[in-house]
């Protein structure tokens, strides 16, 4: 397999952006699993410390 360097150079300077919303259900599911009575997270609420492990596996 060979790399087409000329083709790869066409990507220089380009960017691609994606947006997504982190759903609240992973936090709610963890709270239920641990039998926590925390309120269901609302959009825009910060996630607790180490909560990123539920989203960025």
C-alpha atoms as a PDB file:
ATOM      1  CA  UNK A   1       0.000   0.000   0.000  1.00  0.00           C
ATOM      2  CA  UNK A   2       1.351   3.410  -0.924  1.00  0.00           C
ATOM      3  CA  UNK A   3       0.318   6.804   0.337  1.00  0.00           C
ATOM      4  CA  UNK A   4      -0.797   9.440  -2.118  1.00  0.00           C
ATOM      5  CA  UNK A   5       0.997  12.411  -0.558  1.00  0.00           C
ATOM      6  CA  UNK A   6      -0.422  14.822  -3.124  1.00  0.00           C
ATOM      7  CA  UNK A   7      -3.950  13.818  -2.085  1.00  0.00           C
ATOM      8  CA  UNK A   8      -3.095  14.198   1.603  1.00  0.00           C
ATOM      9  CA  UNK A   9      -1.767  17.707   0.961  1.00  0.00           C
ATOM     10  CA  UNK A  10      -5.232  18.742  -0.288  1.00  0.00           C
ATOM     11  CA  UNK A  11      -6.463  18.331   3.314  1.00  0.00           C
ATOM     12  CA  UNK A  12      -4.026  20.886   4.737  1.00  0.00           C
ATOM     13  CA  UNK A  13      -5.865  23.924   6.055  1.00  0.00           C
ATOM     14  CA  UNK A  14      -9.294  22.281   5.961  1.00  0.00           C
ATOM     15  CA  UNK A  15     -11.357  21.596   9.040  1.00  0.00           C
ATOM     16  CA  UNK A  16     -14.477  19.673   9.876  1.00  0.00           C
ATOM     17  CA  UNK A  17     -16.690  20.403  12.871  1.00  0.00           C
ATOM     18  CA  UNK A  18     -19.379  18.256  14.455  1.00  0.00           C
ATOM     19  CA  UNK A  19     -21.715  19.202  17.285  1.00  0.00           C
ATOM     20  CA  UNK A  20     -23.567  16.869  19.586  1.00  0.00           C
ATOM     21  CA  UNK A  21     -25.442  17.038  22.850  1.00  0.00           C
ATOM     22  CA  UNK A  22     -24.425  14.729  25.673  1.00  0.00           C
ATOM     23  CA  UNK A  23     -27.587  12.895  26.694  1.00  0.00           C
ATOM     24  CA  UNK A  24     -28.553  12.869  30.361  1.00  0.00           C
ATOM     25  CA  UNK A  25     -29.468   9.176  30.489  1.00  0.00           C
ATOM     26  CA  UNK A  26     -25.933   7.828  31.198  1.00  0.00           C
ATOM     27  CA  UNK A  27     -25.726   9.978  34.347  1.00  0.00           C
ATOM     28  CA  UNK A  28     -29.259   8.997  35.365  1.00  0.00           C
ATOM     29  CA  UNK A  29     -28.492   5.310  34.738  1.00  0.00           C
ATOM     30  CA  UNK A  30     -25.357   5.462  36.881  1.00  0.00           C
ATOM     31  CA  UNK A  31     -27.274   7.204  39.675  1.00  0.00           C
ATOM     32  CA  UNK A  32     -29.931   4.474  39.524  1.00  0.00           C
ATOM     33  CA  UNK A  33     -27.297   1.735  39.504  1.00  0.00           C
ATOM     34  CA  UNK A  34     -25.677   3.205  42.607  1.00  0.00           C
ATOM     35  CA  UNK A  35     -29.128   3.775  44.184  1.00  0.00           C
ATOM     36  CA  UNK A  36     -28.542   7.529  44.370  1.00  0.00           C
ATOM     37  CA  UNK A  37     -31.603   9.714  44.611  1.00  0.00           C
ATOM     38  CA  UNK A  38     -30.028  12.525  42.607  1.00  0.00           C
ATOM     39  CA  UNK A  39     -32.412  14.519  40.423  1.00  0.00           C
ATOM     40  CA  UNK A  40     -32.404  13.689  36.737  1.00  0.00           C
ATOM     41  CA  UNK A  41     -29.770  15.932  35.054  1.00  0.00           C
ATOM     42  CA  UNK A  42     -31.116  18.775  32.956  1.00  0.00           C
ATOM     43  CA  UNK A  43     -29.616  20.135  29.724  1.00  0.00           C
ATOM     44  CA  UNK A  44     -26.701  22.415  30.533  1.00  0.00           C
ATOM     45  CA  UNK A  45     -26.052  20.918  33.988  1.00  0.00           C
ATOM     46  CA  UNK A  46     -22.365  20.189  34.591  1.00  0.00           C
ATOM     47  CA  UNK A  47     -21.473  16.553  35.002  1.00  0.00           C
ATOM     48  CA  UNK A  48     -19.904  15.484  38.283  1.00  0.00           C
ATOM     49  CA  UNK A  49     -16.212  14.794  38.600  1.00  0.00           C
ATOM     50  CA  UNK A  50     -15.193  11.680  36.597  1.00  0.00           C
ATOM     51  CA  UNK A  51     -18.556  11.745  34.801  1.00  0.00           C
ATOM     52  CA  UNK A  52     -16.701  12.039  31.489  1.00  0.00           C
ATOM     53  CA  UNK A  53     -15.983   8.289  31.695  1.00  0.00           C
ATOM     54  CA  UNK A  54     -19.626   7.677  30.805  1.00  0.00           C
ATOM     55  CA  UNK A  55     -19.328   9.628  27.557  1.00  0.00           C
ATOM     56  CA  UNK A  56     -15.774   9.179  26.309  1.00  0.00           C
ATOM     57  CA  UNK A  57     -15.125   5.474  26.410  1.00  0.00           C
END
